[in-house]
Amino acid sequence: QQLQDTVVIAPFDGVVQERRASIGEYLAAGSPIVTLVRMNPLRLRAEV
C-alpha cells in the first residue's frame, strides 16, 4: 500500500487551481502538492 501511495491520483475530474511542490523536493507525509477544483457543475451560494 505504501508503494501504491507513492503515486498521487486525481480523485475527480477537475482543473488544477494551484501547484505547491516541485520535482526534487523532499516531502513529509501529508505535504500538499496541488489544489484541484471540480468545475462542472458549480455551486451557487446566495442569501435570501
ModelCIF file with pLDDT and N, C-alpha, C, O atoms, coordinates in Angstrom:
data_MODEL
#
_entry.id   MODEL 
#
_entity.id                         1 
_entity.type                       polymer 
_entity.pdbx_number_of_molecules   1 
#
_entity_poly.entity_id                      1 
_entity_poly.type                           'polypeptide(L)' 
_entity_poly.nstd_linkage                   no 
_entity_poly.nstd_monomer                   no 
_entity_poly.pdbx_seq_one_letter_code       QQLQDTVVIAPFDGVVQERRASIGEYLAAGSPIVTLVRMNPLRLRAEV 
_entity_poly.pdbx_seq_one_letter_code_can   QQLQDTVVIAPFDGVVQERRASIGEYLAAGSPIVTLVRMNPLRLRAEV 
_entity_poly.pdbx_strand_id                 A 
#
loop_
_entity_poly_seq.entity_id 
_entity_poly_seq.num 
_entity_poly_seq.mon_id 
_entity_poly_seq.hetero 
1 1  GLN n 
1 2  GLN n 
1 3  LEU n 
1 4  GLN n 
1 5  ASP n 
1 6  THR n 
1 7  VAL n 
1 8  VAL n 
1 9  ILE n 
1 10 ALA n 
1 11 PRO n 
1 12 PHE n 
1 13 ASP n 
1 14 GLY n 
1 15 VAL n 
1 16 VAL n 
1 17 GLN n 
1 18 GLU n 
1 19 ARG n 
1 20 ARG n 
1 21 ALA n 
1 22 SER n 
1 23 ILE n 
1 24 GLY n 
1 25 GLU n 
1 26 TYR n 
1 27 LEU n 
1 28 ALA n 
1 29 ALA n 
1 30 GLY n 
1 31 SER n 
1 32 PRO n 
1 33 ILE n 
1 34 VAL n 
1 35 THR n 
1 36 LEU n 
1 37 VAL n 
1 38 ARG n 
1 39 MET n 
1 40 ASN n 
1 41 PRO n 
1 42 LEU n 
1 43 ARG n 
1 44 LEU n 
1 45 ARG n 
1 46 ALA n 
1 47 GLU n 
1 48 VAL n 
#
_struct_asym.id          A 
_struct_asym.entity_id   1 
#
loop_
_ma_qa_metric.id 
_ma_qa_metric.mode 
_ma_qa_metric.name 
_ma_qa_metric.software_group_id 
_ma_qa_metric.type 
1 global pLDDT . pLDDT 
2 local  pLDDT . pLDDT 
#
_ma_qa_metric_global.metric_id      1 
_ma_qa_metric_global.metric_value   93.85 
_ma_qa_metric_global.model_id       1 
_ma_qa_metric_global.ordinal_id     1 
#
loop_
_ma_qa_metric_local.label_asym_id 
_ma_qa_metric_local.label_comp_id 
_ma_qa_metric_local.label_seq_id 
_ma_qa_metric_local.metric_id 
_ma_qa_metric_local.metric_value 
_ma_qa_metric_local.model_id 
_ma_qa_metric_local.ordinal_id 
A GLN 1  2 95.00 1 1  
A GLN 2  2 95.00 1 2  
A LEU 3  2 96.00 1 3  
A GLN 4  2 95.00 1 4  
A ASP 5  2 94.00 1 5  
A THR 6  2 95.00 1 6  
A VAL 7  2 96.00 1 7  
A VAL 8  2 95.00 1 8  
A ILE 9  2 95.00 1 9  
A ALA 10 2 95.00 1 10 
A PRO 11 2 94.00 1 11 
A PHE 12 2 93.00 1 12 
A ASP 13 2 93.00 1 13 
A GLY 14 2 92.00 1 14 
A VAL 15 2 94.00 1 15 
A VAL 16 2 95.00 1 16 
A GLN 17 2 93.00 1 17 
A GLU 18 2 93.00 1 18 
A ARG 19 2 94.00 1 19 
A ARG 20 2 93.00 1 20 
A ALA 21 2 93.00 1 21 
A SER 22 2 93.00 1 22 
A ILE 23 2 94.00 1 23 
A GLY 24 2 93.00 1 24 
A GLU 25 2 93.00 1 25 
A TYR 26 2 95.00 1 26 
A LEU 27 2 94.00 1 27 
A ALA 28 2 95.00 1 28 
A ALA 29 2 93.00 1 29 
A GLY 30 2 93.00 1 30 
A SER 31 2 94.00 1 31 
A PRO 32 2 95.00 1 32 
A ILE 33 2 95.00 1 33 
A VAL 34 2 96.00 1 34 
A THR 35 2 95.00 1 35 
A LEU 36 2 95.00 1 36 
A VAL 37 2 95.00 1 37 
A ARG 38 2 93.00 1 38 
A MET 39 2 91.00 1 39 
A ASN 40 2 90.00 1 40 
A PRO 41 2 91.00 1 41 
A LEU 42 2 93.00 1 42 
A ARG 43 2 93.00 1 43 
A LEU 44 2 94.00 1 44 
A ARG 45 2 94.00 1 45 
A ALA 46 2 94.00 1 46 
A GLU 47 2 93.00 1 47 
A VAL 48 2 93.00 1 48 
#
loop_
_atom_site.group_PDB 
_atom_site.id 
_atom_site.type_symbol 
_atom_site.label_atom_id 
_atom_site.label_alt_id 
_atom_site.label_comp_id 
_atom_site.label_asym_id 
_atom_site.label_entity_id 
_atom_site.label_seq_id 
_atom_site.pdbx_PDB_ins_code 
_atom_site.Cartn_x 
_atom_site.Cartn_y 
_atom_site.Cartn_z 
_atom_site.occupancy 
_atom_site.B_iso_or_equiv 
_atom_site.pdbx_formal_charge 
_atom_site.auth_seq_id 
_atom_site.auth_comp_id 
_atom_site.auth_asym_id 
_atom_site.auth_atom_id 
_atom_site.pdbx_PDB_model_num 
ATOM 1   N N  . GLN A 1 1  ? 0.835   -1.212 0.000   1.00 95.00 ? 1  GLN A N  1 
ATOM 2   C CA . GLN A 1 1  ? 0.000   0.000  0.000   1.00 95.00 ? 1  GLN A CA 1 
ATOM 3   C C  . GLN A 1 1  ? 0.866   1.257  0.000   1.00 95.00 ? 1  GLN A C  1 
ATOM 4   O O  . GLN A 1 1  ? 0.561   2.226  -0.694  1.00 95.00 ? 1  GLN A O  1 
ATOM 5   N N  . GLN A 1 2  ? 1.944   1.236  0.779   1.00 95.00 ? 2  GLN A N  1 
ATOM 6   C CA . GLN A 1 2  ? 2.845   2.388  0.784   1.00 95.00 ? 2  GLN A CA 1 
ATOM 7   C C  . GLN A 1 2  ? 3.483   2.591  -0.584  1.00 95.00 ? 2  GLN A C  1 
ATOM 8   O O  . GLN A 1 2  ? 3.704   3.723  -1.012  1.00 95.00 ? 2  GLN A O  1 
ATOM 9   N N  . LEU A 1 3  ? 3.774   1.501  -1.259  1.00 96.00 ? 3  LEU A N  1 
ATOM 10  C CA . LEU A 1 3  ? 4.323   1.618  -2.610  1.00 96.00 ? 3  LEU A CA 1 
ATOM 11  C C  . LEU A 1 3  ? 3.296   2.252  -3.546  1.00 96.00 ? 3  LEU A C  1 
ATOM 12  O O  . LEU A 1 3  ? 3.643   3.085  -4.383  1.00 96.00 ? 3  LEU A O  1 
ATOM 13  N N  . GLN A 1 4  ? 2.033   1.856  -3.401  1.00 95.00 ? 4  GLN A N  1 
ATOM 14  C CA . GLN A 1 4  ? 0.987   2.480  -4.205  1.00 95.00 ? 4  GLN A CA 1 
ATOM 15  C C  . GLN A 1 4  ? 0.806   3.947  -3.852  1.00 95.00 ? 4  GLN A C  1 
ATOM 16  O O  . GLN A 1 4  ? 0.501   4.769  -4.716  1.00 95.00 ? 4  GLN A O  1 
ATOM 17  N N  . ASP A 1 5  ? 0.998   4.277  -2.558  1.00 94.00 ? 5  ASP A N  1 
ATOM 18  C CA . ASP A 1 5  ? 0.784   5.651  -2.112  1.00 94.00 ? 5  ASP A CA 1 
ATOM 19  C C  . ASP A 1 5  ? 1.878   6.599  -2.561  1.00 94.00 ? 5  ASP A C  1 
ATOM 20  O O  . ASP A 1 5  ? 1.762   7.808  -2.359  1.00 94.00 ? 5  ASP A O  1 
ATOM 21  N N  . THR A 1 6  ? 2.925   6.088  -3.157  1.00 95.00 ? 6  THR A N  1 
ATOM 22  C CA . THR A 1 6  ? 3.923   6.993  -3.723  1.00 95.00 ? 6  THR A CA 1 
ATOM 23  C C  . THR A 1 6  ? 3.373   7.719  -4.950  1.00 95.00 ? 6  THR A C  1 
ATOM 24  O O  . THR A 1 6  ? 3.951   8.709  -5.398  1.00 95.00 ? 6  THR A O  1 
ATOM 25  N N  . VAL A 1 7  ? 2.273   7.235  -5.487  1.00 96.00 ? 7  VAL A N  1 
ATOM 26  C CA . VAL A 1 7  ? 1.632   7.853  -6.648  1.00 96.00 ? 7  VAL A CA 1 
ATOM 27  C C  . VAL A 1 7  ? 0.413   8.647  -6.166  1.00 96.00 ? 7  VAL A C  1 
ATOM 28  O O  . VAL A 1 7  ? -0.409  8.124  -5.414  1.00 96.00 ? 7  VAL A O  1 
ATOM 29  N N  . VAL A 1 8  ? 0.294   9.914  -6.601  1.00 95.00 ? 8  VAL A N  1 
ATOM 30  C CA . VAL A 1 8  ? -0.841  10.772 -6.281  1.00 95.00 ? 8  VAL A CA 1 
ATOM 31  C C  . VAL A 1 8  ? -1.789  10.769 -7.475  1.00 95.00 ? 8  VAL A C  1 
ATOM 32  O O  . VAL A 1 8  ? -1.395  11.105 -8.592  1.00 95.00 ? 8  VAL A O  1 
ATOM 33  N N  . ILE A 1 9  ? -3.041  10.386 -7.230  1.00 95.00 ? 9  ILE A N  1 
ATOM 34  C CA . ILE A 1 9  ? -4.028  10.212 -8.298  1.00 95.00 ? 9  ILE A CA 1 
ATOM 35  C C  . ILE A 1 9  ? -5.171  11.207 -8.101  1.00 95.00 ? 9  ILE A C  1 
ATOM 36  O O  . ILE A 1 9  ? -5.584  11.475 -6.973  1.00 95.00 ? 9  ILE A O  1 
ATOM 37  N N  . ALA A 1 10 ? -5.678  11.753 -9.210  1.00 95.00 ? 10 ALA A N  1 
ATOM 38  C CA . ALA A 1 10 ? -6.809  12.689 -9.150  1.00 95.00 ? 10 ALA A CA 1 
ATOM 39  C C  . ALA A 1 10 ? -8.068  11.963 -8.702  1.00 95.00 ? 10 ALA A C  1 
ATOM 40  O O  . ALA A 1 10 ? -8.430  10.945 -9.291  1.00 95.00 ? 10 ALA A O  1 
ATOM 41  N N  . PRO A 1 11 ? -8.754  12.472 -7.653  1.00 94.00 ? 11 PRO A N  1 
ATOM 42  C CA . PRO A 1 11 ? -9.955  11.792 -7.161  1.00 94.00 ? 11 PRO A CA 1 
ATOM 43  C C  . PRO A 1 11 ? -11.210 12.115 -7.971  1.00 94.00 ? 11 PRO A C  1 
ATOM 44  O O  . PRO A 1 11 ? -12.212 11.410 -7.861  1.00 94.00 ? 11 PRO A O  1 
ATOM 45  N N  . PHE A 1 12 ? -11.165 13.177 -8.784  1.00 93.00 ? 12 PHE A N  1 
ATOM 46  C CA . PHE A 1 12 ? -12.324 13.540 -9.607  1.00 93.00 ? 12 PHE A CA 1 
ATOM 47  C C  . PHE A 1 12 ? -11.844 14.378 -10.788 1.00 93.00 ? 12 PHE A C  1 
ATOM 48  O O  . PHE A 1 12 ? -10.714 14.865 -10.804 1.00 93.00 ? 12 PHE A O  1 
ATOM 49  N N  . ASP A 1 13 ? -12.726 14.539 -11.778 1.00 93.00 ? 13 ASP A N  1 
ATOM 50  C CA . ASP A 1 13 ? -12.417 15.410 -12.911 1.00 93.00 ? 13 ASP A CA 1 
ATOM 51  C C  . ASP A 1 13 ? -12.357 16.855 -12.428 1.00 93.00 ? 13 ASP A C  1 
ATOM 52  O O  . ASP A 1 13 ? -13.240 17.311 -11.701 1.00 93.00 ? 13 ASP A O  1 
ATOM 53  N N  . GLY A 1 14 ? -11.323 17.563 -12.830 1.00 92.00 ? 14 GLY A N  1 
ATOM 54  C CA . GLY A 1 14 ? -11.217 18.941 -12.386 1.00 92.00 ? 14 GLY A CA 1 
ATOM 55  C C  . GLY A 1 14 ? -10.080 19.673 -13.057 1.00 92.00 ? 14 GLY A C  1 
ATOM 56  O O  . GLY A 1 14 ? -9.505  19.215 -14.044 1.00 92.00 ? 14 GLY A O  1 
ATOM 57  N N  . VAL A 1 15 ? -9.767  20.851 -12.480 1.00 94.00 ? 15 VAL A N  1 
ATOM 58  C CA . VAL A 1 15 ? -8.705  21.721 -13.002 1.00 94.00 ? 15 VAL A CA 1 
ATOM 59  C C  . VAL A 1 15 ? -7.804  22.095 -11.833 1.00 94.00 ? 15 VAL A C  1 
ATOM 60  O O  . VAL A 1 15 ? -8.280  22.337 -10.724 1.00 94.00 ? 15 VAL A O  1 
ATOM 61  N N  . VAL A 1 16 ? -6.499  22.142 -12.091 1.00 95.00 ? 16 VAL A N  1 
ATOM 62  C CA . VAL A 1 16 ? -5.541  22.487 -11.049 1.00 95.00 ? 16 VAL A CA 1 
ATOM 63  C C  . VAL A 1 16 ? -5.630  23.978 -10.754 1.00 95.00 ? 16 VAL A C  1 
ATOM 64  O O  . VAL A 1 16 ? -5.417  24.812 -11.633 1.00 95.00 ? 16 VAL A O  1 
ATOM 65  N N  . GLN A 1 17 ? -5.948  24.297 -9.511  1.00 93.00 ? 17 GLN A N  1 
ATOM 66  C CA . GLN A 1 17 ? -6.032  25.695 -9.094  1.00 93.00 ? 17 GLN A CA 1 
ATOM 67  C C  . GLN A 1 17 ? -4.681  26.228 -8.621  1.00 93.00 ? 17 GLN A C  1 
ATOM 68  O O  . GLN A 1 17 ? -4.388  27.413 -8.776  1.00 93.00 ? 17 GLN A O  1 
ATOM 69  N N  . GLU A 1 18 ? -3.860  25.348 -8.046  1.00 93.00 ? 18 GLU A N  1 
ATOM 70  C CA . GLU A 1 18 ? -2.565  25.786 -7.522  1.00 93.00 ? 18 GLU A CA 1 
ATOM 71  C C  . GLU A 1 18 ? -1.600  24.604 -7.469  1.00 93.00 ? 18 GLU A C  1 
ATOM 72  O O  . GLU A 1 18 ? -1.970  23.506 -7.053  1.00 93.00 ? 18 GLU A O  1 
ATOM 73  N N  . ARG A 1 19 ? -0.371  24.842 -7.892  1.00 94.00 ? 19 ARG A N  1 
ATOM 74  C CA . ARG A 1 19 ? 0.700   23.844 -7.763  1.00 94.00 ? 19 ARG A CA 1 
ATOM 75  C C  . ARG A 1 19 ? 1.591   24.273 -6.606  1.00 94.00 ? 19 ARG A C  1 
ATOM 76  O O  . ARG A 1 19 ? 2.039   25.418 -6.546  1.00 94.00 ? 19 ARG A O  1 
ATOM 77  N N  . ARG A 1 20 ? 1.848   23.330 -5.673  1.00 93.00 ? 20 ARG A N  1 
ATOM 78  C CA . ARG A 1 20 ? 2.501   23.708 -4.422  1.00 93.00 ? 20 ARG A CA 1 
ATOM 79  C C  . ARG A 1 20 ? 3.775   22.918 -4.143  1.00 93.00 ? 20 ARG A C  1 
ATOM 80  O O  . ARG A 1 20 ? 4.288   22.988 -3.026  1.00 93.00 ? 20 ARG A O  1 
ATOM 81  N N  . ALA A 1 21 ? 4.300   22.180 -5.094  1.00 93.00 ? 21 ALA A N  1 
ATOM 82  C CA . ALA A 1 21 ? 5.541   21.420 -4.904  1.00 93.00 ? 21 ALA A CA 1 
ATOM 83  C C  . ALA A 1 21 ? 6.271   21.320 -6.232  1.00 93.00 ? 21 ALA A C  1 
ATOM 84  O O  . ALA A 1 21 ? 5.685   21.503 -7.299  1.00 93.00 ? 21 ALA A O  1 
ATOM 85  N N  . SER A 1 22 ? 7.579   21.021 -6.144  1.00 93.00 ? 22 SER A N  1 
ATOM 86  C CA . SER A 1 22 ? 8.412   20.917 -7.341  1.00 93.00 ? 22 SER A CA 1 
ATOM 87  C C  . SER A 1 22 ? 9.216   19.625 -7.293  1.00 93.00 ? 22 SER A C  1 
ATOM 88  O O  . SER A 1 22 ? 9.428   19.047 -6.227  1.00 93.00 ? 22 SER A O  1 
ATOM 89  N N  . ILE A 1 23 ? 9.655   19.188 -8.458  1.00 94.00 ? 23 ILE A N  1 
ATOM 90  C CA . ILE A 1 23 ? 10.454  17.965 -8.572  1.00 94.00 ? 23 ILE A CA 1 
ATOM 91  C C  . ILE A 1 23 ? 11.757  18.124 -7.790  1.00 94.00 ? 23 ILE A C  1 
ATOM 92  O O  . ILE A 1 23 ? 12.404  19.170 -7.841  1.00 94.00 ? 23 ILE A O  1 
ATOM 93  N N  . GLY A 1 24 ? 12.131  17.064 -7.066  1.00 93.00 ? 24 GLY A N  1 
ATOM 94  C CA . GLY A 1 24 ? 13.352  17.077 -6.276  1.00 93.00 ? 24 GLY A CA 1 
ATOM 95  C C  . GLY A 1 24 ? 13.144  17.512 -4.846  1.00 93.00 ? 24 GLY A C  1 
ATOM 96  O O  . GLY A 1 24 ? 14.050  17.371 -4.025  1.00 93.00 ? 24 GLY A O  1 
ATOM 97  N N  . GLU A 1 25 ? 11.990  18.033 -4.528  1.00 93.00 ? 25 GLU A N  1 
ATOM 98  C CA . GLU A 1 25 ? 11.708  18.489 -3.169  1.00 93.00 ? 25 GLU A CA 1 
ATOM 99  C C  . GLU A 1 25 ? 11.353  17.293 -2.279  1.00 93.00 ? 25 GLU A C  1 
ATOM 100 O O  . GLU A 1 25 ? 10.565  16.430 -2.667  1.00 93.00 ? 25 GLU A O  1 
ATOM 101 N N  . TYR A 1 26 ? 11.957  17.255 -1.064  1.00 95.00 ? 26 TYR A N  1 
ATOM 102 C CA . TYR A 1 26 ? 11.635  16.171 -0.129  1.00 95.00 ? 26 TYR A CA 1 
ATOM 103 C C  . TYR A 1 26 ? 10.374  16.565 0.632   1.00 95.00 ? 26 TYR A C  1 
ATOM 104 O O  . TYR A 1 26 ? 10.295  17.644 1.220   1.00 95.00 ? 26 TYR A O  1 
ATOM 105 N N  . LEU A 1 27 ? 9.400   15.677 0.607   1.00 94.00 ? 27 LEU A N  1 
ATOM 106 C CA . LEU A 1 27 ? 8.094   15.959 1.191   1.00 94.00 ? 27 LEU A CA 1 
ATOM 107 C C  . LEU A 1 27 ? 7.831   15.025 2.356   1.00 94.00 ? 27 LEU A C  1 
ATOM 108 O O  . LEU A 1 27 ? 8.069   13.820 2.267   1.00 94.00 ? 27 LEU A O  1 
ATOM 109 N N  . ALA A 1 28 ? 7.343   15.584 3.439   1.00 95.00 ? 28 ALA A N  1 
ATOM 110 C CA . ALA A 1 28 ? 6.892   14.767 4.565   1.00 95.00 ? 28 ALA A CA 1 
ATOM 111 C C  . ALA A 1 28 ? 5.499   14.232 4.267   1.00 95.00 ? 28 ALA A C  1 
ATOM 112 O O  . ALA A 1 28 ? 4.815   14.714 3.363   1.00 95.00 ? 28 ALA A O  1 
ATOM 113 N N  . ALA A 1 29 ? 5.091   13.240 5.027   1.00 93.00 ? 29 ALA A N  1 
ATOM 114 C CA . ALA A 1 29 ? 3.744   12.686 4.839   1.00 93.00 ? 29 ALA A CA 1 
ATOM 115 C C  . ALA A 1 29 ? 2.709   13.779 5.088   1.00 93.00 ? 29 ALA A C  1 
ATOM 116 O O  . ALA A 1 29 ? 2.754   14.475 6.102   1.00 93.00 ? 29 ALA A O  1 
ATOM 117 N N  . GLY A 1 30 ? 1.781   13.919 4.152   1.00 93.00 ? 30 GLY A N  1 
ATOM 118 C CA . GLY A 1 30 ? 0.746   14.939 4.272   1.00 93.00 ? 30 GLY A CA 1 
ATOM 119 C C  . GLY A 1 30 ? 1.087   16.261 3.625   1.00 93.00 ? 30 GLY A C  1 
ATOM 120 O O  . GLY A 1 30 ? 0.273   17.184 3.666   1.00 93.00 ? 30 GLY A O  1 
ATOM 121 N N  . SER A 1 31 ? 2.263   16.389 3.028   1.00 94.00 ? 31 SER A N  1 
ATOM 122 C CA . SER A 1 31 ? 2.642   17.646 2.372   1.00 94.00 ? 31 SER A CA 1 
ATOM 123 C C  . SER A 1 31 ? 1.782   17.867 1.127   1.00 94.00 ? 31 SER A C  1 
ATOM 124 O O  . SER A 1 31 ? 1.627   16.947 0.325   1.00 94.00 ? 31 SER A O  1 
ATOM 125 N N  . PRO A 1 32 ? 1.216   19.075 0.944   1.00 95.00 ? 32 PRO A N  1 
ATOM 126 C CA . PRO A 1 32 ? 0.362   19.331 -0.227  1.00 95.00 ? 32 PRO A CA 1 
ATOM 127 C C  . PRO A 1 32 ? 1.172   19.418 -1.511  1.00 95.00 ? 32 PRO A C  1 
ATOM 128 O O  . PRO A 1 32 ? 2.315   19.875 -1.518  1.00 95.00 ? 32 PRO A O  1 
ATOM 129 N N  . ILE A 1 33 ? 0.555   18.970 -2.591  1.00 95.00 ? 33 ILE A N  1 
ATOM 130 C CA . ILE A 1 33 ? 1.198   19.030 -3.909  1.00 95.00 ? 33 ILE A CA 1 
ATOM 131 C C  . ILE A 1 33 ? 0.433   19.974 -4.831  1.00 95.00 ? 33 ILE A C  1 
ATOM 132 O O  . ILE A 1 33 ? 1.019   20.902 -5.389  1.00 95.00 ? 33 ILE A O  1 
ATOM 133 N N  . VAL A 1 34 ? -0.866  19.749 -4.998  1.00 96.00 ? 34 VAL A N  1 
ATOM 134 C CA . VAL A 1 34 ? -1.690  20.604 -5.849  1.00 96.00 ? 34 VAL A CA 1 
ATOM 135 C C  . VAL A 1 34 ? -3.056  20.771 -5.196  1.00 96.00 ? 34 VAL A C  1 
ATOM 136 O O  . VAL A 1 34 ? -3.468  19.965 -4.363  1.00 96.00 ? 34 VAL A O  1 
ATOM 137 N N  . THR A 1 35 ? -3.752  21.846 -5.598  1.00 95.00 ? 35 THR A N  1 
ATOM 138 C CA . THR A 1 35 ? -5.143  22.064 -5.219  1.00 95.00 ? 35 THR A CA 1 
ATOM 139 C C  . THR A 1 35 ? -5.995  21.871 -6.469  1.00 95.00 ? 35 THR A C  1 
ATOM 140 O O  . THR A 1 35 ? -5.764  22.506 -7.497  1.00 95.00 ? 35 THR A O  1 
ATOM 141 N N  . LEU A 1 36 ? -6.974  20.992 -6.364  1.00 95.00 ? 36 LEU A N  1 
ATOM 142 C CA . LEU A 1 36 ? -7.801  20.606 -7.511  1.00 95.00 ? 36 LEU A CA 1 
ATOM 143 C C  . LEU A 1 36 ? -9.244  21.027 -7.255  1.00 95.00 ? 36 LEU A C  1 
ATOM 144 O O  . LEU A 1 36 ? -9.759  20.842 -6.152  1.00 95.00 ? 36 LEU A O  1 
ATOM 145 N N  . VAL A 1 37 ? -9.904  21.597 -8.275  1.00 95.00 ? 37 VAL A N  1 
ATOM 146 C CA . VAL A 1 37 ? -11.293 22.025 -8.150  1.00 95.00 ? 37 VAL A CA 1 
ATOM 147 C C  . VAL A 1 37 ? -12.130 21.370 -9.253  1.00 95.00 ? 37 VAL A C  1 
ATOM 148 O O  . VAL A 1 37 ? -11.679 21.201 -10.386 1.00 95.00 ? 37 VAL A O  1 
ATOM 149 N N  . ARG A 1 38 ? -13.361 21.009 -8.884  1.00 93.00 ? 38 ARG A N  1 
ATOM 150 C CA . ARG A 1 38 ? -14.312 20.482 -9.876  1.00 93.00 ? 38 ARG A CA 1 
ATOM 151 C C  . ARG A 1 38 ? -15.070 21.660 -10.479 1.00 93.00 ? 38 ARG A C  1 
ATOM 152 O O  . ARG A 1 38 ? -15.622 22.484 -9.750  1.00 93.00 ? 38 ARG A O  1 
ATOM 153 N N  . MET A 1 39 ? -15.096 21.742 -11.798 1.00 91.00 ? 39 MET A N  1 
ATOM 154 C CA . MET A 1 39 ? -15.640 22.907 -12.500 1.00 91.00 ? 39 MET A CA 1 
ATOM 155 C C  . MET A 1 39 ? -17.060 22.719 -13.006 1.00 91.00 ? 39 MET A C  1 
ATOM 156 O O  . MET A 1 39 ? -17.705 23.700 -13.377 1.00 91.00 ? 39 MET A O  1 
ATOM 157 N N  . ASN A 1 40 ? -17.560 21.513 -13.032 1.00 90.00 ? 40 ASN A N  1 
ATOM 158 C CA . ASN A 1 40 ? -18.914 21.300 -13.543 1.00 90.00 ? 40 ASN A CA 1 
ATOM 159 C C  . ASN A 1 40 ? -19.571 20.139 -12.804 1.00 90.00 ? 40 ASN A C  1 
ATOM 160 O O  . ASN A 1 40 ? -19.040 19.028 -12.791 1.00 90.00 ? 40 ASN A O  1 
ATOM 161 N N  . PRO A 1 41 ? -20.739 20.396 -12.184 1.00 91.00 ? 41 PRO A N  1 
ATOM 162 C CA . PRO A 1 41 ? -21.408 21.692 -12.064 1.00 91.00 ? 41 PRO A CA 1 
ATOM 163 C C  . PRO A 1 41 ? -20.730 22.568 -11.016 1.00 91.00 ? 41 PRO A C  1 
ATOM 164 O O  . PRO A 1 41 ? -19.815 22.135 -10.315 1.00 91.00 ? 41 PRO A O  1 
ATOM 165 N N  . LEU A 1 42 ? -21.206 23.822 -10.928 1.00 93.00 ? 42 LEU A N  1 
ATOM 166 C CA . LEU A 1 42 ? -20.721 24.743 -9.907  1.00 93.00 ? 42 LEU A CA 1 
ATOM 167 C C  . LEU A 1 42 ? -21.785 24.914 -8.830  1.00 93.00 ? 42 LEU A C  1 
ATOM 168 O O  . LEU A 1 42 ? -22.981 24.762 -9.077  1.00 93.00 ? 42 LEU A O  1 
ATOM 169 N N  . ARG A 1 43 ? -21.316 25.233 -7.635  1.00 93.00 ? 43 ARG A N  1 
ATOM 170 C CA . ARG A 1 43 ? -22.234 25.560 -6.542  1.00 93.00 ? 43 ARG A CA 1 
ATOM 171 C C  . ARG A 1 43 ? -22.549 27.057 -6.595  1.00 93.00 ? 43 ARG A C  1 
ATOM 172 O O  . ARG A 1 43 ? -21.641 27.885 -6.662  1.00 93.00 ? 43 ARG A O  1 
ATOM 173 N N  . LEU A 1 44 ? -23.817 27.391 -6.566  1.00 94.00 ? 44 LEU A N  1 
ATOM 174 C CA . LEU A 1 44 ? -24.241 28.778 -6.449  1.00 94.00 ? 44 LEU A CA 1 
ATOM 175 C C  . LEU A 1 44 ? -24.727 28.995 -5.020  1.00 94.00 ? 44 LEU A C  1 
ATOM 176 O O  . LEU A 1 44 ? -25.694 28.367 -4.587  1.00 94.00 ? 44 LEU A O  1 
ATOM 177 N N  . ARG A 1 45 ? -24.061 29.878 -4.294  1.00 94.00 ? 45 ARG A N  1 
ATOM 178 C CA . ARG A 1 45 ? -24.467 30.207 -2.929  1.00 94.00 ? 45 ARG A CA 1 
ATOM 179 C C  . ARG A 1 45 ? -25.054 31.603 -2.927  1.00 94.00 ? 45 ARG A C  1 
ATOM 180 O O  . ARG A 1 45 ? -24.421 32.551 -3.392  1.00 94.00 ? 45 ARG A O  1 
ATOM 181 N N  . ALA A 1 46 ? -26.269 31.731 -2.401  1.00 94.00 ? 46 ALA A N  1 
ATOM 182 C CA . ALA A 1 46 ? -26.949 33.019 -2.348  1.00 94.00 ? 46 ALA A CA 1 
ATOM 183 C C  . ALA A 1 46 ? -27.640 33.164 -1.000  1.00 94.00 ? 46 ALA A C  1 
ATOM 184 O O  . ALA A 1 46 ? -27.896 32.179 -0.309  1.00 94.00 ? 46 ALA A O  1 
ATOM 185 N N  . GLU A 1 47 ? -27.939 34.414 -0.637  1.00 93.00 ? 47 GLU A N  1 
ATOM 186 C CA . GLU A 1 47 ? -28.612 34.704 0.615   1.00 93.00 ? 47 GLU A CA 1 
ATOM 187 C C  . GLU A 1 47 ? -29.966 35.336 0.318   1.00 93.00 ? 47 GLU A C  1 
ATOM 188 O O  . GLU A 1 47 ? -30.061 36.313 -0.425  1.00 93.00 ? 47 GLU A O  1 
ATOM 189 N N  . VAL A 1 48 ? -31.004 34.765 0.906   1.00 93.00 ? 48 VAL A N  1 
ATOM 190 C CA . VAL A 1 48 ? -32.380 35.226 0.698   1.00 93.00 ? 48 VAL A CA 1 
ATOM 191 C C  . VAL A 1 48 ? -32.855 35.928 1.961   1.00 93.00 ? 48 VAL A C  1 
ATOM 192 O O  . VAL A 1 48 ? -33.990 36.400 2.015   1.00 93.00 ? 48 VAL A O  1 
#
